[in-house]
Amino acid sequence: MIPSDRIPTHPGVVLREEFLVPLGITQGALAEHIGIPAKRVSELVRGKRGITPSLAWLLAQTFETTPEFWLNLQASFDLAQSRPPATIPRLRVAG
């Protein structure tokens, strides 16, 4: 069972470890292939930048995945990072 306080893996790490490294593709080669600056790919892989909808489309087409795959990775990461430290009680409506 995965601990509830575990932060999901950043999508840039997934990109590097599940796609770039196994396929032998450099960050620069990916950037050139999809037509974005190499700095953008580097920042994504280092966790300094997130997946945007337009980047999700580019990665989906490149790696035969879906844009939802990439956006779901990002959403899971973002939600875990922004979890409030305290729980707010449920709103009770008088009725």
N, C-alpha and C. Protein backbone atom coordinates (compact mmCIF):
# COMPACT_ATOMS: atom_id res chain seq x y z
N MET A 1 0.84 -1.18 0.00
CA MET A 1 0.00 0.00 0.00
C MET A 1 0.88 1.25 0.00
N ILE A 2 0.51 2.22 -0.81
CA ILE A 2 1.27 3.47 -0.91
C ILE A 2 0.87 4.39 0.25
N PRO A 3 1.83 4.94 0.97
CA PRO A 3 1.51 5.85 2.07
C PRO A 3 0.73 7.06 1.56
N SER A 4 -0.22 7.54 2.36
CA SER A 4 -1.06 8.67 1.93
C SER A 4 -0.28 9.98 1.88
N ASP A 5 0.85 10.06 2.57
CA ASP A 5 1.62 11.30 2.57
C ASP A 5 2.73 11.30 1.52
N ARG A 6 2.76 10.29 0.65
CA ARG A 6 3.78 10.19 -0.39
C ARG A 6 3.47 11.17 -1.51
N ILE A 7 4.46 11.92 -1.93
CA ILE A 7 4.32 12.84 -3.07
C ILE A 7 4.52 12.02 -4.35
N PRO A 8 3.57 12.09 -5.29
CA PRO A 8 3.76 11.37 -6.55
C PRO A 8 5.01 11.84 -7.28
N THR A 9 5.51 11.01 -8.15
CA THR A 9 6.71 11.33 -8.92
C THR A 9 6.41 12.48 -9.87
N HIS A 10 7.34 13.41 -9.96
CA HIS A 10 7.19 14.54 -10.88
C HIS A 10 7.18 14.01 -12.32
N PRO A 11 6.34 14.57 -13.18
CA PRO A 11 6.28 14.08 -14.56
C PRO A 11 7.60 14.18 -15.32
N GLY A 12 8.45 15.10 -14.94
CA GLY A 12 9.76 15.20 -15.58
C GLY A 12 10.63 13.99 -15.29
N VAL A 13 10.51 13.45 -14.08
CA VAL A 13 11.25 12.24 -13.72
C VAL A 13 10.71 11.06 -14.53
N VAL A 14 9.39 10.99 -14.68
CA VAL A 14 8.79 9.93 -15.49
C VAL A 14 9.28 10.04 -16.93
N LEU A 15 9.31 11.25 -17.46
CA LEU A 15 9.80 11.46 -18.82
C LEU A 15 11.23 10.94 -18.96
N ARG A 16 12.08 11.32 -18.02
CA ARG A 16 13.48 10.90 -18.09
C ARG A 16 13.65 9.39 -17.92
N GLU A 17 13.07 8.85 -16.85
CA GLU A 17 13.32 7.45 -16.48
C GLU A 17 12.54 6.43 -17.30
N GLU A 18 11.37 6.80 -17.79
CA GLU A 18 10.54 5.84 -18.51
C GLU A 18 10.58 6.01 -20.03
N PHE A 19 11.09 7.15 -20.49
CA PHE A 19 11.09 7.40 -21.93
C PHE A 19 12.48 7.73 -22.46
N LEU A 20 13.09 8.80 -21.96
CA LEU A 20 14.37 9.23 -22.52
C LEU A 20 15.48 8.21 -22.33
N VAL A 21 15.71 7.79 -21.10
CA VAL A 21 16.81 6.86 -20.82
C VAL A 21 16.62 5.52 -21.54
N PRO A 22 15.45 4.87 -21.41
CA PRO A 22 15.31 3.57 -22.09
C PRO A 22 15.41 3.66 -23.61
N LEU A 23 14.97 4.77 -24.18
CA LEU A 23 15.01 4.92 -25.63
C LEU A 23 16.33 5.52 -26.13
N GLY A 24 17.19 5.93 -25.21
CA GLY A 24 18.47 6.51 -25.59
C GLY A 24 18.34 7.87 -26.26
N ILE A 25 17.37 8.65 -25.83
CA ILE A 25 17.12 9.98 -26.41
C ILE A 25 17.64 11.04 -25.45
N THR A 26 18.38 12.00 -25.97
CA THR A 26 18.86 13.09 -25.12
C THR A 26 17.77 14.14 -24.98
N GLN A 27 17.92 14.96 -23.95
CA GLN A 27 16.98 16.07 -23.75
C GLN A 27 17.02 17.01 -24.95
N GLY A 28 18.21 17.27 -25.44
CA GLY A 28 18.36 18.15 -26.60
C GLY A 28 17.69 17.59 -27.84
N ALA A 29 17.83 16.29 -28.06
CA ALA A 29 17.19 15.66 -29.22
C ALA A 29 15.68 15.72 -29.11
N LEU A 30 15.15 15.52 -27.91
CA LEU A 30 13.71 15.62 -27.71
C LEU A 30 13.24 17.05 -27.99
N ALA A 31 13.96 18.02 -27.43
CA ALA A 31 13.59 19.42 -27.62
C ALA A 31 13.56 19.77 -29.11
N GLU A 32 14.56 19.35 -29.82
CA GLU A 32 14.63 19.63 -31.26
C GLU A 32 13.48 18.94 -31.99
N HIS A 33 13.19 17.71 -31.63
CA HIS A 33 12.14 16.94 -32.29
C HIS A 33 10.76 17.59 -32.13
N ILE A 34 10.48 18.10 -30.92
CA ILE A 34 9.15 18.67 -30.68
C ILE A 34 9.11 20.18 -30.86
N GLY A 35 10.26 20.77 -31.15
CA GLY A 35 10.30 22.20 -31.47
C GLY A 35 10.17 23.15 -30.30
N ILE A 36 10.78 22.78 -29.19
CA ILE A 36 10.79 23.68 -28.02
C ILE A 36 12.23 23.88 -27.58
N PRO A 37 12.49 24.93 -26.79
CA PRO A 37 13.85 25.15 -26.31
C PRO A 37 14.35 24.00 -25.42
N ALA A 38 15.62 23.68 -25.55
CA ALA A 38 16.23 22.62 -24.73
C ALA A 38 16.13 22.96 -23.25
N LYS A 39 16.18 24.25 -22.92
CA LYS A 39 16.07 24.67 -21.52
C LYS A 39 14.74 24.25 -20.92
N ARG A 40 13.70 24.30 -21.72
CA ARG A 40 12.36 23.90 -21.24
C ARG A 40 12.33 22.42 -20.88
N VAL A 41 12.92 21.59 -21.71
CA VAL A 41 12.99 20.15 -21.42
C VAL A 41 13.85 19.91 -20.18
N SER A 42 14.99 20.59 -20.11
CA SER A 42 15.89 20.44 -18.96
C SER A 42 15.19 20.82 -17.66
N GLU A 43 14.46 21.93 -17.66
CA GLU A 43 13.75 22.37 -16.46
C GLU A 43 12.65 21.38 -16.08
N LEU A 44 11.99 20.80 -17.07
CA LEU A 44 10.96 19.80 -16.80
C LEU A 44 11.58 18.57 -16.15
N VAL A 45 12.65 18.07 -16.72
CA VAL A 45 13.31 16.87 -16.21
C VAL A 45 13.84 17.10 -14.79
N ARG A 46 14.26 18.32 -14.49
CA ARG A 46 14.78 18.64 -13.15
C ARG A 46 13.67 19.00 -12.16
N GLY A 47 12.41 18.96 -12.60
CA GLY A 47 11.30 19.27 -11.70
C GLY A 47 11.08 20.74 -11.46
N LYS A 48 11.70 21.58 -12.29
CA LYS A 48 11.57 23.04 -12.12
C LYS A 48 10.42 23.61 -12.94
N ARG A 49 9.85 22.79 -13.81
CA ARG A 49 8.77 23.22 -14.70
C ARG A 49 7.78 22.08 -14.78
N GLY A 50 6.52 22.41 -15.05
CA GLY A 50 5.49 21.40 -15.15
C GLY A 50 5.05 21.15 -16.58
N ILE A 51 4.14 20.22 -16.71
CA ILE A 51 3.55 19.87 -18.00
C ILE A 51 2.39 20.82 -18.27
N THR A 52 2.42 21.48 -19.41
CA THR A 52 1.30 22.31 -19.86
C THR A 52 0.45 21.50 -20.83
N PRO A 53 -0.77 21.92 -21.09
CA PRO A 53 -1.57 21.19 -22.08
C PRO A 53 -0.89 21.09 -23.45
N SER A 54 -0.25 22.15 -23.89
CA SER A 54 0.40 22.09 -25.20
C SER A 54 1.58 21.12 -25.19
N LEU A 55 2.34 21.10 -24.11
CA LEU A 55 3.45 20.16 -24.00
C LEU A 55 2.93 18.73 -23.88
N ALA A 56 1.81 18.55 -23.19
CA ALA A 56 1.20 17.21 -23.08
C ALA A 56 0.88 16.66 -24.46
N TRP A 57 0.36 17.50 -25.34
CA TRP A 57 0.06 17.06 -26.71
C TRP A 57 1.33 16.67 -27.45
N LEU A 58 2.37 17.48 -27.31
CA LEU A 58 3.63 17.18 -28.01
C LEU A 58 4.23 15.87 -27.53
N LEU A 59 4.24 15.66 -26.22
CA LEU A 59 4.81 14.42 -25.67
C LEU A 59 3.95 13.21 -26.04
N ALA A 60 2.63 13.39 -26.02
CA ALA A 60 1.73 12.29 -26.37
C ALA A 60 1.96 11.83 -27.81
N GLN A 61 2.10 12.78 -28.71
CA GLN A 61 2.33 12.43 -30.11
C GLN A 61 3.70 11.79 -30.30
N THR A 62 4.68 12.29 -29.59
CA THR A 62 6.05 11.79 -29.72
C THR A 62 6.19 10.36 -29.20
N PHE A 63 5.58 10.09 -28.06
CA PHE A 63 5.78 8.80 -27.40
C PHE A 63 4.57 7.87 -27.49
N GLU A 64 3.61 8.21 -28.34
CA GLU A 64 2.41 7.39 -28.53
C GLU A 64 1.71 7.10 -27.20
N THR A 65 1.54 8.16 -26.42
CA THR A 65 0.75 8.08 -25.19
C THR A 65 -0.47 8.97 -25.43
N THR A 66 -1.06 9.46 -24.37
CA THR A 66 -2.16 10.40 -24.50
C THR A 66 -1.80 11.68 -23.76
N PRO A 67 -2.40 12.81 -24.14
CA PRO A 67 -2.14 14.02 -23.37
C PRO A 67 -2.65 13.88 -21.94
N GLU A 68 -3.71 13.11 -21.76
CA GLU A 68 -4.24 12.90 -20.42
C GLU A 68 -3.23 12.21 -19.50
N PHE A 69 -2.45 11.30 -20.06
CA PHE A 69 -1.41 10.63 -19.28
C PHE A 69 -0.49 11.67 -18.64
N TRP A 70 0.00 12.60 -19.45
CA TRP A 70 0.94 13.61 -18.96
C TRP A 70 0.27 14.59 -18.02
N LEU A 71 -0.95 15.02 -18.35
CA LEU A 71 -1.64 15.98 -17.49
C LEU A 71 -2.06 15.34 -16.17
N ASN A 72 -2.40 14.06 -16.18
CA ASN A 72 -2.73 13.38 -14.92
C ASN A 72 -1.51 13.25 -14.01
N LEU A 73 -0.35 12.98 -14.60
CA LEU A 73 0.88 12.96 -13.80
C LEU A 73 1.09 14.31 -13.12
N GLN A 74 0.91 15.38 -13.90
CA GLN A 74 1.11 16.73 -13.37
C GLN A 74 0.07 17.06 -12.31
N ALA A 75 -1.19 16.74 -12.57
CA ALA A 75 -2.26 17.04 -11.61
C ALA A 75 -2.05 16.30 -10.30
N SER A 76 -1.66 15.04 -10.37
CA SER A 76 -1.41 14.27 -9.14
C SER A 76 -0.28 14.88 -8.33
N PHE A 77 0.77 15.28 -9.03
CA PHE A 77 1.91 15.90 -8.36
C PHE A 77 1.49 17.23 -7.73
N ASP A 78 0.80 18.06 -8.49
CA ASP A 78 0.37 19.38 -7.99
C ASP A 78 -0.57 19.27 -6.79
N LEU A 79 -1.52 18.35 -6.86
CA LEU A 79 -2.45 18.17 -5.75
C LEU A 79 -1.73 17.73 -4.48
N ALA A 80 -0.81 16.81 -4.61
CA ALA A 80 -0.06 16.35 -3.44
C ALA A 80 0.80 17.47 -2.85
N GLN A 81 1.38 18.28 -3.72
CA GLN A 81 2.24 19.38 -3.25
C GLN A 81 1.43 20.46 -2.53
N SER A 82 0.17 20.62 -2.92
CA SER A 82 -0.61 21.73 -2.36
C SER A 82 -1.62 21.29 -1.30
N ARG A 83 -1.48 20.05 -0.82
CA ARG A 83 -2.40 19.56 0.20
C ARG A 83 -2.32 20.45 1.44
N PRO A 84 -3.47 20.93 1.93
CA PRO A 84 -3.43 21.77 3.13
C PRO A 84 -2.96 20.97 4.34
N PRO A 85 -2.25 21.63 5.26
CA PRO A 85 -1.73 20.91 6.43
C PRO A 85 -2.83 20.48 7.40
N ALA A 86 -3.95 21.19 7.40
CA ALA A 86 -5.04 20.85 8.33
C ALA A 86 -6.29 20.49 7.53
N THR A 87 -7.09 19.64 8.13
CA THR A 87 -8.35 19.25 7.50
C THR A 87 -9.44 20.22 7.89
N ILE A 88 -10.25 20.58 6.94
CA ILE A 88 -11.36 21.49 7.20
C ILE A 88 -12.60 20.62 7.36
N PRO A 89 -13.39 20.87 8.43
CA PRO A 89 -14.57 20.04 8.62
C PRO A 89 -15.60 20.28 7.53
N ARG A 90 -16.43 19.28 7.31
CA ARG A 90 -17.47 19.35 6.30
C ARG A 90 -18.48 20.42 6.70
N LEU A 91 -18.98 21.13 5.71
CA LEU A 91 -19.99 22.17 5.94
C LEU A 91 -21.33 21.50 6.24
N ARG A 92 -21.92 21.89 7.32
CA ARG A 92 -23.23 21.35 7.73
C ARG A 92 -24.29 22.39 7.36
N VAL A 93 -25.28 21.95 6.61
CA VAL A 93 -26.37 22.84 6.20
C VAL A 93 -27.56 22.56 7.08
N ALA A 94 -28.06 23.63 7.67
CA ALA A 94 -29.25 23.49 8.53
C ALA A 94 -30.44 23.13 7.68
N GLY A 95 -31.22 22.21 8.11
CA GLY A 95 -32.34 21.81 7.28
C GLY A 95 -33.45 21.36 8.03
